[in-house]
Amino acid sequence: MALFQAGKDQIADFYERREYSKAIREIMALADRANQYIAERQPWVLAKENKSDPQVQAICSTGINLFRLLMIYLKPVLPQMAARAETFLCIAPLNWIDLDSVLVESPHRDI
């Protein structure tokens, strides 16, 4: 998640300079990394083998946190989608400052 959080200044700079295509490219690169993270760890396979495996919860928790960070980045250009994500996650409206926090701590902070 540190990698995702580290992008905030660059993405904010792109938004402020109205370079939306560059901001979206950066965000989509992060989304690709999130998808790769989930695909490589295959929590659905681990859950079939052992539903109580703590790795399943750790992977899924990290995935939810990454989703939330991506929604914060996308909120300036996709506010309705962000609002639906806020409802889905049962959280207060997302703000840029929320990039500094996570919903649930996860041992997988290397992404």
PDB file of N, CA and C in Angstrom:
ATOM      1  N   MET A   1       0.811  -1.186   0.000  1.00  0.00           N
ATOM      2  CA  MET A   1       0.000   0.000   0.000  1.00  0.00           C
ATOM      3  C   MET A   1       0.855   1.252   0.000  1.00  0.00           C
ATOM      4  N   ALA A   2       2.068   1.103   0.495  1.00  0.00           N
ATOM      5  CA  ALA A   2       2.958   2.261   0.528  1.00  0.00           C
ATOM      6  C   ALA A   2       3.203   2.794  -0.881  1.00  0.00           C
ATOM      7  N   LEU A   3       3.338   1.899  -1.841  1.00  0.00           N
ATOM      8  CA  LEU A   3       3.526   2.323  -3.231  1.00  0.00           C
ATOM      9  C   LEU A   3       2.322   3.119  -3.716  1.00  0.00           C
ATOM     10  N   PHE A   4       1.134   2.676  -3.378  1.00  0.00           N
ATOM     11  CA  PHE A   4      -0.088   3.365  -3.788  1.00  0.00           C
ATOM     12  C   PHE A   4      -0.185   4.731  -3.110  1.00  0.00           C
ATOM     13  N   GLN A   5       0.166   4.785  -1.847  1.00  0.00           N
ATOM     14  CA  GLN A   5       0.105   6.043  -1.118  1.00  0.00           C
ATOM     15  C   GLN A   5       1.183   7.017  -1.586  1.00  0.00           C
ATOM     16  N   ALA A   6       2.307   6.503  -2.032  1.00  0.00           N
ATOM     17  CA  ALA A   6       3.417   7.348  -2.468  1.00  0.00           C
ATOM     18  C   ALA A   6       3.094   8.122  -3.741  1.00  0.00           C
ATOM     19  N   GLY A   7       2.137   7.668  -4.507  1.00  0.00           N
ATOM     20  CA  GLY A   7       1.785   8.336  -5.752  1.00  0.00           C
ATOM     21  C   GLY A   7       0.937   9.578  -5.586  1.00  0.00           C
ATOM     22  N   LYS A   8       0.533   9.894  -4.371  1.00  0.00           N
ATOM     23  CA  LYS A   8      -0.445  10.968  -4.173  1.00  0.00           C
ATOM     24  C   LYS A   8       0.056  12.335  -4.624  1.00  0.00           C
ATOM     25  N   ASP A   9       1.313  12.656  -4.382  1.00  0.00           N
ATOM     26  CA  ASP A   9       1.808  13.981  -4.761  1.00  0.00           C
ATOM     27  C   ASP A   9       1.865  14.134  -6.277  1.00  0.00           C
ATOM     28  N   GLN A  10       2.340  13.103  -6.956  1.00  0.00           N
ATOM     29  CA  GLN A  10       2.426  13.158  -8.421  1.00  0.00           C
ATOM     30  C   GLN A  10       1.033  13.253  -9.043  1.00  0.00           C
ATOM     31  N   ILE A  11       0.118  12.438  -8.558  1.00  0.00           N
ATOM     32  CA  ILE A  11      -1.242  12.452  -9.108  1.00  0.00           C
ATOM     33  C   ILE A  11      -1.924  13.779  -8.795  1.00  0.00           C
ATOM     34  N   ALA A  12      -1.737  14.294  -7.594  1.00  0.00           N
ATOM     35  CA  ALA A  12      -2.314  15.598  -7.235  1.00  0.00           C
ATOM     36  C   ALA A  12      -1.747  16.692  -8.141  1.00  0.00           C
ATOM     37  N   ASP A  13      -0.464  16.618  -8.411  1.00  0.00           N
ATOM     38  CA  ASP A  13       0.165  17.600  -9.294  1.00  0.00           C
ATOM     39  C   ASP A  13      -0.447  17.550 -10.693  1.00  0.00           C
ATOM     40  N   PHE A  14      -0.663  16.354 -11.216  1.00  0.00           N
ATOM     41  CA  PHE A  14      -1.302  16.222 -12.531  1.00  0.00           C
ATOM     42  C   PHE A  14      -2.704  16.826 -12.522  1.00  0.00           C
ATOM     43  N   TYR A  15      -3.472  16.549 -11.482  1.00  0.00           N
ATOM     44  CA  TYR A  15      -4.822  17.119 -11.386  1.00  0.00           C
ATOM     45  C   TYR A  15      -4.746  18.655 -11.340  1.00  0.00           C
ATOM     46  N   GLU A  16      -3.857  19.166 -10.509  1.00  0.00           N
ATOM     47  CA  GLU A  16      -3.755  20.619 -10.362  1.00  0.00           C
ATOM     48  C   GLU A  16      -3.346  21.307 -11.659  1.00  0.00           C
ATOM     49  N   ARG A  17      -2.525  20.645 -12.461  1.00  0.00           N
ATOM     50  CA  ARG A  17      -2.100  21.208 -13.748  1.00  0.00           C
ATOM     51  C   ARG A  17      -3.080  20.869 -14.871  1.00  0.00           C
ATOM     52  N   ARG A  18      -4.186  20.239 -14.509  1.00  0.00           N
ATOM     53  CA  ARG A  18      -5.231  19.830 -15.454  1.00  0.00           C
ATOM     54  C   ARG A  18      -4.701  18.861 -16.521  1.00  0.00           C
ATOM     55  N   GLU A  19      -3.755  18.053 -16.108  1.00  0.00           N
ATOM     56  CA  GLU A  19      -3.215  17.009 -16.978  1.00  0.00           C
ATOM     57  C   GLU A  19      -3.890  15.697 -16.589  1.00  0.00           C
ATOM     58  N   TYR A  20      -5.179  15.650 -16.877  1.00  0.00           N
ATOM     59  CA  TYR A  20      -6.007  14.532 -16.435  1.00  0.00           C
ATOM     60  C   TYR A  20      -5.580  13.205 -17.049  1.00  0.00           C
ATOM     61  N   SER A  21      -5.157  13.226 -18.286  1.00  0.00           N
ATOM     62  CA  SER A  21      -4.752  11.966 -18.919  1.00  0.00           C
ATOM     63  C   SER A  21      -3.528  11.378 -18.217  1.00  0.00           C
ATOM     64  N   LYS A  22      -2.616  12.223 -17.774  1.00  0.00           N
ATOM     65  CA  LYS A  22      -1.441  11.727 -17.043  1.00  0.00           C
ATOM     66  C   LYS A  22      -1.855  11.178 -15.675  1.00  0.00           C
ATOM     67  N   ALA A  23      -2.771  11.869 -15.028  1.00  0.00           N
ATOM     68  CA  ALA A  23      -3.254  11.382 -13.731  1.00  0.00           C
ATOM     69  C   ALA A  23      -3.905  10.017 -13.892  1.00  0.00           C
ATOM     70  N   ILE A  24      -4.753   9.895 -14.895  1.00  0.00           N
ATOM     71  CA  ILE A  24      -5.453   8.623 -15.117  1.00  0.00           C
ATOM     72  C   ILE A  24      -4.465   7.520 -15.472  1.00  0.00           C
ATOM     73  N   ARG A  25      -3.448   7.835 -16.254  1.00  0.00           N
ATOM     74  CA  ARG A  25      -2.431   6.815 -16.578  1.00  0.00           C
ATOM     75  C   ARG A  25      -1.744   6.308 -15.319  1.00  0.00           C
ATOM     76  N   GLU A  26      -1.396   7.213 -14.426  1.00  0.00           N
ATOM     77  CA  GLU A  26      -0.761   6.816 -13.162  1.00  0.00           C
ATOM     78  C   GLU A  26      -1.704   5.948 -12.325  1.00  0.00           C
ATOM     79  N   ILE A  27      -2.957   6.368 -12.251  1.00  0.00           N
ATOM     80  CA  ILE A  27      -3.943   5.621 -11.465  1.00  0.00           C
ATOM     81  C   ILE A  27      -4.168   4.239 -12.069  1.00  0.00           C
ATOM     82  N   MET A  28      -4.254   4.168 -13.384  1.00  0.00           N
ATOM     83  CA  MET A  28      -4.477   2.870 -14.034  1.00  0.00           C
ATOM     84  C   MET A  28      -3.262   1.952 -13.871  1.00  0.00           C
ATOM     85  N   ALA A  29      -2.066   2.520 -13.827  1.00  0.00           N
ATOM     86  CA  ALA A  29      -0.875   1.704 -13.563  1.00  0.00           C
ATOM     87  C   ALA A  29      -0.967   1.097 -12.160  1.00  0.00           C
ATOM     88  N   LEU A  30      -1.456   1.878 -11.207  1.00  0.00           N
ATOM     89  CA  LEU A  30      -1.659   1.345  -9.858  1.00  0.00           C
ATOM     90  C   LEU A  30      -2.751   0.277  -9.850  1.00  0.00           C
ATOM     91  N   ALA A  31      -3.822   0.518 -10.586  1.00  0.00           N
ATOM     92  CA  ALA A  31      -4.898  -0.478 -10.669  1.00  0.00           C
ATOM     93  C   ALA A  31      -4.376  -1.780 -11.267  1.00  0.00           C
ATOM     94  N   ASP A  32      -3.521  -1.679 -12.275  1.00  0.00           N
ATOM     95  CA  ASP A  32      -2.916  -2.878 -12.861  1.00  0.00           C
ATOM     96  C   ASP A  32      -2.097  -3.632 -11.818  1.00  0.00           C
ATOM     97  N   ARG A  33      -1.358  -2.895 -10.998  1.00  0.00           N
ATOM     98  CA  ARG A  33      -0.568  -3.545  -9.937  1.00  0.00           C
ATOM     99  C   ARG A  33      -1.478  -4.224  -8.913  1.00  0.00           C
ATOM    100  N   ALA A  34      -2.593  -3.584  -8.579  1.00  0.00           N
ATOM    101  CA  ALA A  34      -3.542  -4.187  -7.638  1.00  0.00           C
ATOM    102  C   ALA A  34      -4.112  -5.474  -8.218  1.00  0.00           C
ATOM    103  N   ASN A  35      -4.501  -5.424  -9.480  1.00  0.00           N
ATOM    104  CA  ASN A  35      -5.029  -6.629 -10.131  1.00  0.00           C
ATOM    105  C   ASN A  35      -3.993  -7.734 -10.177  1.00  0.00           C
ATOM    106  N   GLN A  36      -2.756  -7.377 -10.472  1.00  0.00           N
ATOM    107  CA  GLN A  36      -1.672  -8.364 -10.521  1.00  0.00           C
ATOM    108  C   GLN A  36      -1.456  -8.982  -9.139  1.00  0.00           C
ATOM    109  N   TYR A  37      -1.482  -8.153  -8.110  1.00  0.00           N
ATOM    110  CA  TYR A  37      -1.310  -8.623  -6.736  1.00  0.00           C
ATOM    111  C   TYR A  37      -2.353  -9.688  -6.394  1.00  0.00           C
ATOM    112  N   ILE A  38      -3.620  -9.397  -6.678  1.00  0.00           N
ATOM    113  CA  ILE A  38      -4.707 -10.338  -6.373  1.00  0.00           C
ATOM    114  C   ILE A  38      -4.583 -11.595  -7.231  1.00  0.00           C
ATOM    115  N   ALA A  39      -4.327 -11.424  -8.523  1.00  0.00           N
ATOM    116  CA  ALA A  39      -4.239 -12.572  -9.431  1.00  0.00           C
ATOM    117  C   ALA A  39      -3.103 -13.513  -9.051  1.00  0.00           C
ATOM    118  N   GLU A  40      -1.975 -12.963  -8.655  1.00  0.00           N
ATOM    119  CA  GLU A  40      -0.830 -13.808  -8.283  1.00  0.00           C
ATOM    120  C   GLU A  40      -1.085 -14.587  -7.002  1.00  0.00           C
ATOM    121  N   ARG A  41      -1.813 -14.011  -6.079  1.00  0.00           N
ATOM    122  CA  ARG A  41      -2.026 -14.657  -4.781  1.00  0.00           C
ATOM    123  C   ARG A  41      -3.258 -15.561  -4.754  1.00  0.00           C
ATOM    124  N   GLN A  42      -4.142 -15.401  -5.694  1.00  0.00           N
ATOM    125  CA  GLN A  42      -5.319 -16.262  -5.873  1.00  0.00           C
ATOM    126  C   GLN A  42      -6.029 -16.619  -4.560  1.00  0.00           C
ATOM    127  N   PRO A  43      -6.601 -15.633  -3.887  1.00  0.00           N
ATOM    128  CA  PRO A  43      -7.255 -15.941  -2.619  1.00  0.00           C
ATOM    129  C   PRO A  43      -8.421 -16.915  -2.767  1.00  0.00           C
ATOM    130  N   TRP A  44      -9.051 -16.963  -3.928  1.00  0.00           N
ATOM    131  CA  TRP A  44     -10.161 -17.888  -4.151  1.00  0.00           C
ATOM    132  C   TRP A  44      -9.674 -19.336  -4.101  1.00  0.00           C
ATOM    133  N   VAL A  45      -8.436 -19.585  -4.546  1.00  0.00           N
ATOM    134  CA  VAL A  45      -7.860 -20.931  -4.481  1.00  0.00           C
ATOM    135  C   VAL A  45      -7.522 -21.270  -3.036  1.00  0.00           C
ATOM    136  N   LEU A  46      -6.898 -20.325  -2.335  1.00  0.00           N
ATOM    137  CA  LEU A  46      -6.558 -20.554  -0.933  1.00  0.00           C
ATOM    138  C   LEU A  46      -7.810 -20.808  -0.097  1.00  0.00           C
ATOM    139  N   ALA A  47      -8.881 -20.084  -0.378  1.00  0.00           N
ATOM    140  CA  ALA A  47     -10.127 -20.250   0.385  1.00  0.00           C
ATOM    141  C   ALA A  47     -10.741 -21.622   0.160  1.00  0.00           C
ATOM    142  N   LYS A  48     -10.595 -22.167  -1.045  1.00  0.00           N
ATOM    143  CA  LYS A  48     -11.125 -23.509  -1.308  1.00  0.00           C
ATOM    144  C   LYS A  48     -10.352 -24.560  -0.521  1.00  0.00           C
ATOM    145  N   GLU A  49      -9.049 -24.326  -0.365  1.00  0.00           N
ATOM    146  CA  GLU A  49      -8.205 -25.285   0.353  1.00  0.00           C
ATOM    147  C   GLU A  49      -8.401 -25.191   1.867  1.00  0.00           C
ATOM    148  N   ASN A  50      -8.517 -23.951   2.364  1.00  0.00           N
ATOM    149  CA  ASN A  50      -8.656 -23.747   3.803  1.00  0.00           C
ATOM    150  C   ASN A  50      -9.308 -22.388   4.039  1.00  0.00           C
ATOM    151  N   LYS A  51     -10.585 -22.399   4.327  1.00  0.00           N
ATOM    152  CA  LYS A  51     -11.321 -21.144   4.519  1.00  0.00           C
ATOM    153  C   LYS A  51     -10.774 -20.313   5.665  1.00  0.00           C
ATOM    154  N   SER A  52     -10.116 -20.946   6.616  1.00  0.00           N
ATOM    155  CA  SER A  52      -9.596 -20.249   7.787  1.00  0.00           C
ATOM    156  C   SER A  52      -8.162 -19.760   7.612  1.00  0.00           C
ATOM    157  N   ASP A  53      -7.599 -19.941   6.453  1.00  0.00           N
ATOM    158  CA  ASP A  53      -6.223 -19.519   6.204  1.00  0.00           C
ATOM    159  C   ASP A  53      -6.111 -18.002   6.397  1.00  0.00           C
ATOM    160  N   PRO A  54      -5.252 -17.559   7.313  1.00  0.00           N
ATOM    161  CA  PRO A  54      -5.125 -16.114   7.543  1.00  0.00           C
ATOM    162  C   PRO A  54      -4.631 -15.360   6.306  1.00  0.00           C
ATOM    163  N   GLN A  55      -3.991 -16.051   5.399  1.00  0.00           N
ATOM    164  CA  GLN A  55      -3.533 -15.419   4.161  1.00  0.00           C
ATOM    165  C   GLN A  55      -4.712 -14.926   3.329  1.00  0.00           C
ATOM    166  N   VAL A  56      -5.816 -15.651   3.337  1.00  0.00           N
ATOM    167  CA  VAL A  56      -6.993 -15.247   2.576  1.00  0.00           C
ATOM    168  C   VAL A  56      -7.478 -13.889   3.077  1.00  0.00           C
ATOM    169  N   GLN A  57      -7.611 -13.769   4.387  1.00  0.00           N
ATOM    170  CA  GLN A  57      -8.059 -12.492   4.944  1.00  0.00           C
ATOM    171  C   GLN A  57      -7.048 -11.391   4.666  1.00  0.00           C
ATOM    172  N   ALA A  58      -5.771 -11.669   4.769  1.00  0.00           N
ATOM    173  CA  ALA A  58      -4.743 -10.654   4.530  1.00  0.00           C
ATOM    174  C   ALA A  58      -4.775 -10.166   3.081  1.00  0.00           C
ATOM    175  N   ILE A  59      -4.896 -11.078   2.147  1.00  0.00           N
ATOM    176  CA  ILE A  59      -4.946 -10.711   0.730  1.00  0.00           C
ATOM    177  C   ILE A  59      -6.195  -9.887   0.440  1.00  0.00           C
ATOM    178  N   CYS A  60      -7.326 -10.351   0.949  1.00  0.00           N
ATOM    179  CA  CYS A  60      -8.587  -9.634   0.705  1.00  0.00           C
ATOM    180  C   CYS A  60      -8.591  -8.270   1.383  1.00  0.00           C
ATOM    181  N   SER A  61      -8.040  -8.174   2.582  1.00  0.00           N
ATOM    182  CA  SER A  61      -7.951  -6.885   3.270  1.00  0.00           C
ATOM    183  C   SER A  61      -7.085  -5.910   2.482  1.00  0.00           C
ATOM    184  N   THR A  62      -5.977  -6.403   1.976  1.00  0.00           N
ATOM    185  CA  THR A  62      -5.113  -5.558   1.158  1.00  0.00           C
ATOM    186  C   THR A  62      -5.845  -5.119  -0.100  1.00  0.00           C
ATOM    187  N   GLY A  63      -6.564  -6.037  -0.725  1.00  0.00           N
ATOM    188  CA  GLY A  63      -7.319  -5.704  -1.931  1.00  0.00           C
ATOM    189  C   GLY A  63      -8.361  -4.623  -1.681  1.00  0.00           C
ATOM    190  N   ILE A  64      -9.075  -4.712  -0.574  1.00  0.00           N
ATOM    191  CA  ILE A  64     -10.082  -3.697  -0.234  1.00  0.00           C
ATOM    192  C   ILE A  64      -9.409  -2.345   0.015  1.00  0.00           C
ATOM    193  N   ASN A  65      -8.285  -2.374   0.712  1.00  0.00           N
ATOM    194  CA  ASN A  65      -7.560  -1.125   0.952  1.00  0.00           C
ATOM    195  C   ASN A  65      -7.078  -0.500  -0.355  1.00  0.00           C
ATOM    196  N   LEU A  66      -6.568  -1.317  -1.266  1.00  0.00           N
ATOM    197  CA  LEU A  66      -6.101  -0.798  -2.553  1.00  0.00           C
ATOM    198  C   LEU A  66      -7.263  -0.220  -3.352  1.00  0.00           C
ATOM    199  N   PHE A  67      -8.403  -0.904  -3.326  1.00  0.00           N
ATOM    200  CA  PHE A  67      -9.607  -0.408  -3.998  1.00  0.00           C
ATOM    201  C   PHE A  67      -9.990   0.967  -3.458  1.00  0.00           C
ATOM    202  N   ARG A  68      -9.982   1.105  -2.153  1.00  0.00           N
ATOM    203  CA  ARG A  68     -10.333   2.388  -1.519  1.00  0.00           C
ATOM    204  C   ARG A  68      -9.365   3.492  -1.952  1.00  0.00           C
ATOM    205  N   LEU A  69      -8.074   3.200  -1.963  1.00  0.00           N
ATOM    206  CA  LEU A  69      -7.091   4.200  -2.392  1.00  0.00           C
ATOM    207  C   LEU A  69      -7.319   4.599  -3.849  1.00  0.00           C
ATOM    208  N   LEU A  70      -7.605   3.627  -4.690  1.00  0.00           N
ATOM    209  CA  LEU A  70      -7.885   3.934  -6.096  1.00  0.00           C
ATOM    210  C   LEU A  70      -9.128   4.810  -6.222  1.00  0.00           C
ATOM    211  N   MET A  71     -10.133   4.546  -5.414  1.00  0.00           N
ATOM    212  CA  MET A  71     -11.350   5.366  -5.467  1.00  0.00           C
ATOM    213  C   MET A  71     -11.070   6.807  -5.038  1.00  0.00           C
ATOM    214  N   ILE A  72     -10.193   6.982  -4.078  1.00  0.00           N
ATOM    215  CA  ILE A  72      -9.819   8.343  -3.672  1.00  0.00           C
ATOM    216  C   ILE A  72      -9.167   9.056  -4.846  1.00  0.00           C
ATOM    217  N   TYR A  73      -8.253   8.380  -5.522  1.00  0.00           N
ATOM    218  CA  TYR A  73      -7.578   8.981  -6.674  1.00  0.00           C
ATOM    219  C   TYR A  73      -8.553   9.301  -7.803  1.00  0.00           C
ATOM    220  N   LEU A  74      -9.555   8.463  -7.977  1.00  0.00           N
ATOM    221  CA  LEU A  74     -10.502   8.650  -9.083  1.00  0.00           C
ATOM    222  C   LEU A  74     -11.657   9.586  -8.755  1.00  0.00           C
ATOM    223  N   LYS A  75     -11.871   9.873  -7.493  1.00  0.00           N
ATOM    224  CA  LYS A  75     -13.022  10.679  -7.096  1.00  0.00           C
ATOM    225  C   LYS A  75     -13.119  12.025  -7.823  1.00  0.00           C
ATOM    226  N   PRO A  76     -12.017  12.723  -8.086  1.00  0.00           N
ATOM    227  CA  PRO A  76     -12.155  14.005  -8.796  1.00  0.00           C
ATOM    228  C   PRO A  76     -12.762  13.879 -10.197  1.00  0.00           C
ATOM    229  N   VAL A  77     -12.590  12.729 -10.841  1.00  0.00           N
ATOM    230  CA  VAL A  77     -13.116  12.571 -12.200  1.00  0.00           C
ATOM    231  C   VAL A  77     -14.295  11.608 -12.279  1.00  0.00           C
ATOM    232  N   LEU A  78     -14.481  10.782 -11.259  1.00  0.00           N
ATOM    233  CA  LEU A  78     -15.597   9.830 -11.215  1.00  0.00           C
ATOM    234  C   LEU A  78     -16.298   9.911  -9.854  1.00  0.00           C
ATOM    235  N   PRO A  79     -16.883  11.065  -9.538  1.00  0.00           N
ATOM    236  CA  PRO A  79     -17.467  11.238  -8.201  1.00  0.00           C
ATOM    237  C   PRO A  79     -18.624  10.297  -7.894  1.00  0.00           C
ATOM    238  N   GLN A  80     -19.440   9.964  -8.888  1.00  0.00           N
ATOM    239  CA  GLN A  80     -20.557   9.057  -8.621  1.00  0.00           C
ATOM    240  C   GLN A  80     -20.066   7.641  -8.329  1.00  0.00           C
ATOM    241  N   MET A  81     -19.041   7.212  -9.039  1.00  0.00           N
ATOM    242  CA  MET A  81     -18.475   5.891  -8.767  1.00  0.00           C
ATOM    243  C   MET A  81     -17.868   5.870  -7.364  1.00  0.00           C
ATOM    244  N   ALA A  82     -17.195   6.935  -6.991  1.00  0.00           N
ATOM    245  CA  ALA A  82     -16.613   7.017  -5.649  1.00  0.00           C
ATOM    246  C   ALA A  82     -17.709   6.989  -4.589  1.00  0.00           C
ATOM    247  N   ALA A  83     -18.803   7.670  -4.849  1.00  0.00           N
ATOM    248  CA  ALA A  83     -19.925   7.663  -3.897  1.00  0.00           C
ATOM    249  C   ALA A  83     -20.485   6.251  -3.733  1.00  0.00           C
ATOM    250  N   ARG A  84     -20.586   5.516  -4.827  1.00  0.00           N
ATOM    251  CA  ARG A  84     -21.065   4.122  -4.734  1.00  0.00           C
ATOM    252  C   ARG A  84     -20.070   3.266  -3.945  1.00  0.00           C
ATOM    253  N   ALA A  85     -18.783   3.518  -4.133  1.00  0.00           N
ATOM    254  CA  ALA A  85     -17.764   2.777  -3.378  1.00  0.00           C
ATOM    255  C   ALA A  85     -17.864   3.094  -1.886  1.00  0.00           C
ATOM    256  N   GLU A  86     -18.107   4.367  -1.566  1.00  0.00           N
ATOM    257  CA  GLU A  86     -18.272   4.765  -0.161  1.00  0.00           C
ATOM    258  C   GLU A  86     -19.454   4.027   0.466  1.00  0.00           C
ATOM    259  N   THR A  87     -20.546   3.938  -0.275  1.00  0.00           N
ATOM    260  CA  THR A  87     -21.717   3.213   0.212  1.00  0.00           C
ATOM    261  C   THR A  87     -21.399   1.732   0.380  1.00  0.00           C
ATOM    262  N   PHE A  88     -20.755   1.161  -0.617  1.00  0.00           N
ATOM    263  CA  PHE A  88     -20.387  -0.260  -0.577  1.00  0.00           C
ATOM    264  C   PHE A  88     -19.511  -0.554   0.637  1.00  0.00           C
ATOM    265  N   LEU A  89     -18.541   0.318   0.909  1.00  0.00           N
ATOM    266  CA  LEU A  89     -17.609   0.103   2.012  1.00  0.00           C
ATOM    267  C   LEU A  89     -18.158   0.585   3.367  1.00  0.00           C
ATOM    268  N   CYS A  90     -19.327   1.248   3.342  1.00  0.00           N
ATOM    269  CA  CYS A  90     -19.934   1.797   4.558  1.00  0.00           C
ATOM    270  C   CYS A  90     -18.969   2.757   5.272  1.00  0.00           C
ATOM    271  N   ILE A  91     -18.444   3.703   4.493  1.00  0.00           N
ATOM    272  CA  ILE A  91     -17.492   4.659   5.032  1.00  0.00           C
ATOM    273  C   ILE A  91     -17.964   6.090   4.739  1.00  0.00           C
ATOM    274  N   ALA A  92     -17.379   7.029   5.458  1.00  0.00           N
ATOM    275  CA  ALA A  92     -17.662   8.451   5.230  1.00  0.00           C
ATOM    276  C   ALA A  92     -17.111   8.846   3.858  1.00  0.00           C
ATOM    277  N   PRO A  93     -17.582   9.954   3.320  1.00  0.00           N
ATOM    278  CA  PRO A  93     -17.071  10.400   2.027  1.00  0.00           C
ATOM    279  C   PRO A  93     -15.540  10.485   2.012  1.00  0.00           C
ATOM    280  N   LEU A  94     -14.975   9.971   0.955  1.00  0.00           N
ATOM    281  CA  LEU A  94     -13.525   9.922   0.816  1.00  0.00           C
ATOM    282  C   LEU A  94     -12.948  11.297   0.516  1.00  0.00           C
ATOM    283  N   ASN A  95     -11.818  11.580   1.140  1.00  0.00           N
ATOM    284  CA  ASN A  95     -11.088  12.815   0.923  1.00  0.00           C
ATOM    285  C   ASN A  95      -9.630  12.479   0.644  1.00  0.00           C
ATOM    286  N   TRP A  96      -8.942  13.420   0.013  1.00  0.00           N
ATOM    287  CA  TRP A  96      -7.538  13.198  -0.355  1.00  0.00           C
ATOM    288  C   TRP A  96      -6.695  12.829   0.860  1.00  0.00           C
ATOM    289  N   ILE A  97      -6.980  13.432   2.003  1.00  0.00           N
ATOM    290  CA  ILE A  97      -6.210  13.160   3.224  1.00  0.00           C
ATOM    291  C   ILE A  97      -6.346  11.703   3.665  1.00  0.00           C
ATOM    292  N   ASP A  98      -7.420  11.038   3.244  1.00  0.00           N
ATOM    293  CA  ASP A  98      -7.640   9.630   3.595  1.00  0.00           C
ATOM    294  C   ASP A  98      -6.599   8.710   2.959  1.00  0.00           C
ATOM    295  N   LEU A  99      -5.825   9.221   2.010  1.00  0.00           N
ATOM    296  CA  LEU A  99      -4.767   8.407   1.406  1.00  0.00           C
ATOM    297  C   LEU A  99      -3.714   8.009   2.434  1.00  0.00           C
ATOM    298  N   ASP A 100      -3.625   8.751   3.521  1.00  0.00           N
ATOM    299  CA  ASP A 100      -2.621   8.472   4.546  1.00  0.00           C
ATOM    300  C   ASP A 100      -3.028   7.375   5.517  1.00  0.00           C
ATOM    301  N   SER A 101      -4.245   6.861   5.360  1.00  0.00           N
ATOM    302  CA  SER A 101      -4.719   5.826   6.280  1.00  0.00           C
ATOM    303  C   SER A 101      -5.251   4.638   5.488  1.00  0.00           C
ATOM    304  N   VAL A 102      -5.471   3.549   6.200  1.00  0.00           N
ATOM    305  CA  VAL A 102      -6.057   2.349   5.601  1.00  0.00           C
ATOM    306  C   VAL A 102      -7.289   1.955   6.404  1.00  0.00           C
ATOM    307  N   LEU A 103      -8.159   1.186   5.785  1.00  0.00           N
ATOM    308  CA  LEU A 103      -9.355   0.714   6.494  1.00  0.00           C
ATOM    309  C   LEU A 103      -8.997  -0.319   7.550  1.00  0.00           C
ATOM    310  N   VAL A 104      -8.191  -1.281   7.138  1.00  0.00           N
ATOM    311  CA  VAL A 104      -7.810  -2.391   8.001  1.00  0.00           C
ATOM    312  C   VAL A 104      -6.328  -2.661   7.780  1.00  0.00           C
ATOM    313  N   GLU A 105      -5.599  -2.790   8.865  1.00  0.00           N
ATOM    314  CA  GLU A 105      -4.177  -3.117   8.736  1.00  0.00           C
ATOM    315  C   GLU A 105      -4.027  -4.510   8.121  1.00  0.00           C
ATOM    316  N   SER A 106      -3.033  -4.635   7.279  1.00  0.00           N
ATOM    317  CA  SER A 106      -2.759  -5.898   6.618  1.00  0.00           C
ATOM    318  C   SER A 106      -1.259  -6.137   6.626  1.00  0.00           C
ATOM    319  N   PRO A 107      -0.854  -7.385   6.780  1.00  0.00           N
ATOM    320  CA  PRO A 107       0.589  -7.662   6.762  1.00  0.00           C
ATOM    321  C   PRO A 107       1.205  -7.463   5.375  1.00  0.00           C
ATOM    322  N   HIS A 108       0.385  -7.331   4.361  1.00  0.00           N
ATOM    323  CA  HIS A 108       0.875  -7.173   2.993  1.00  0.00           C
ATOM    324  C   HIS A 108       0.994  -5.691   2.650  1.00  0.00           C
ATOM    325  N   ARG A 109       1.954  -5.023   3.241  1.00  0.00           N
ATOM    326  CA  ARG A 109       2.131  -3.600   3.010  1.00  0.00           C
ATOM    327  C   ARG A 109       3.172  -3.339   1.920  1.00  0.00           C
ATOM    328  N   ASP A 110       3.687  -4.397   1.317  1.00  0.00           N
ATOM    329  CA  ASP A 110       4.759  -4.249   0.329  1.00  0.00           C
ATOM    330  C   ASP A 110       4.275  -3.810  -1.043  1.00  0.00           C
ATOM    331  N   ILE A 111       3.011  -3.746  -1.250  1.00  0.00           N
ATOM    332  CA  ILE A 111       2.492  -3.352  -2.562  1.00  0.00           C
ATOM    333  C   ILE A 111       2.262  -1.851  -2.605  1.00  0.00           C
TER     334      ILE A 111
END
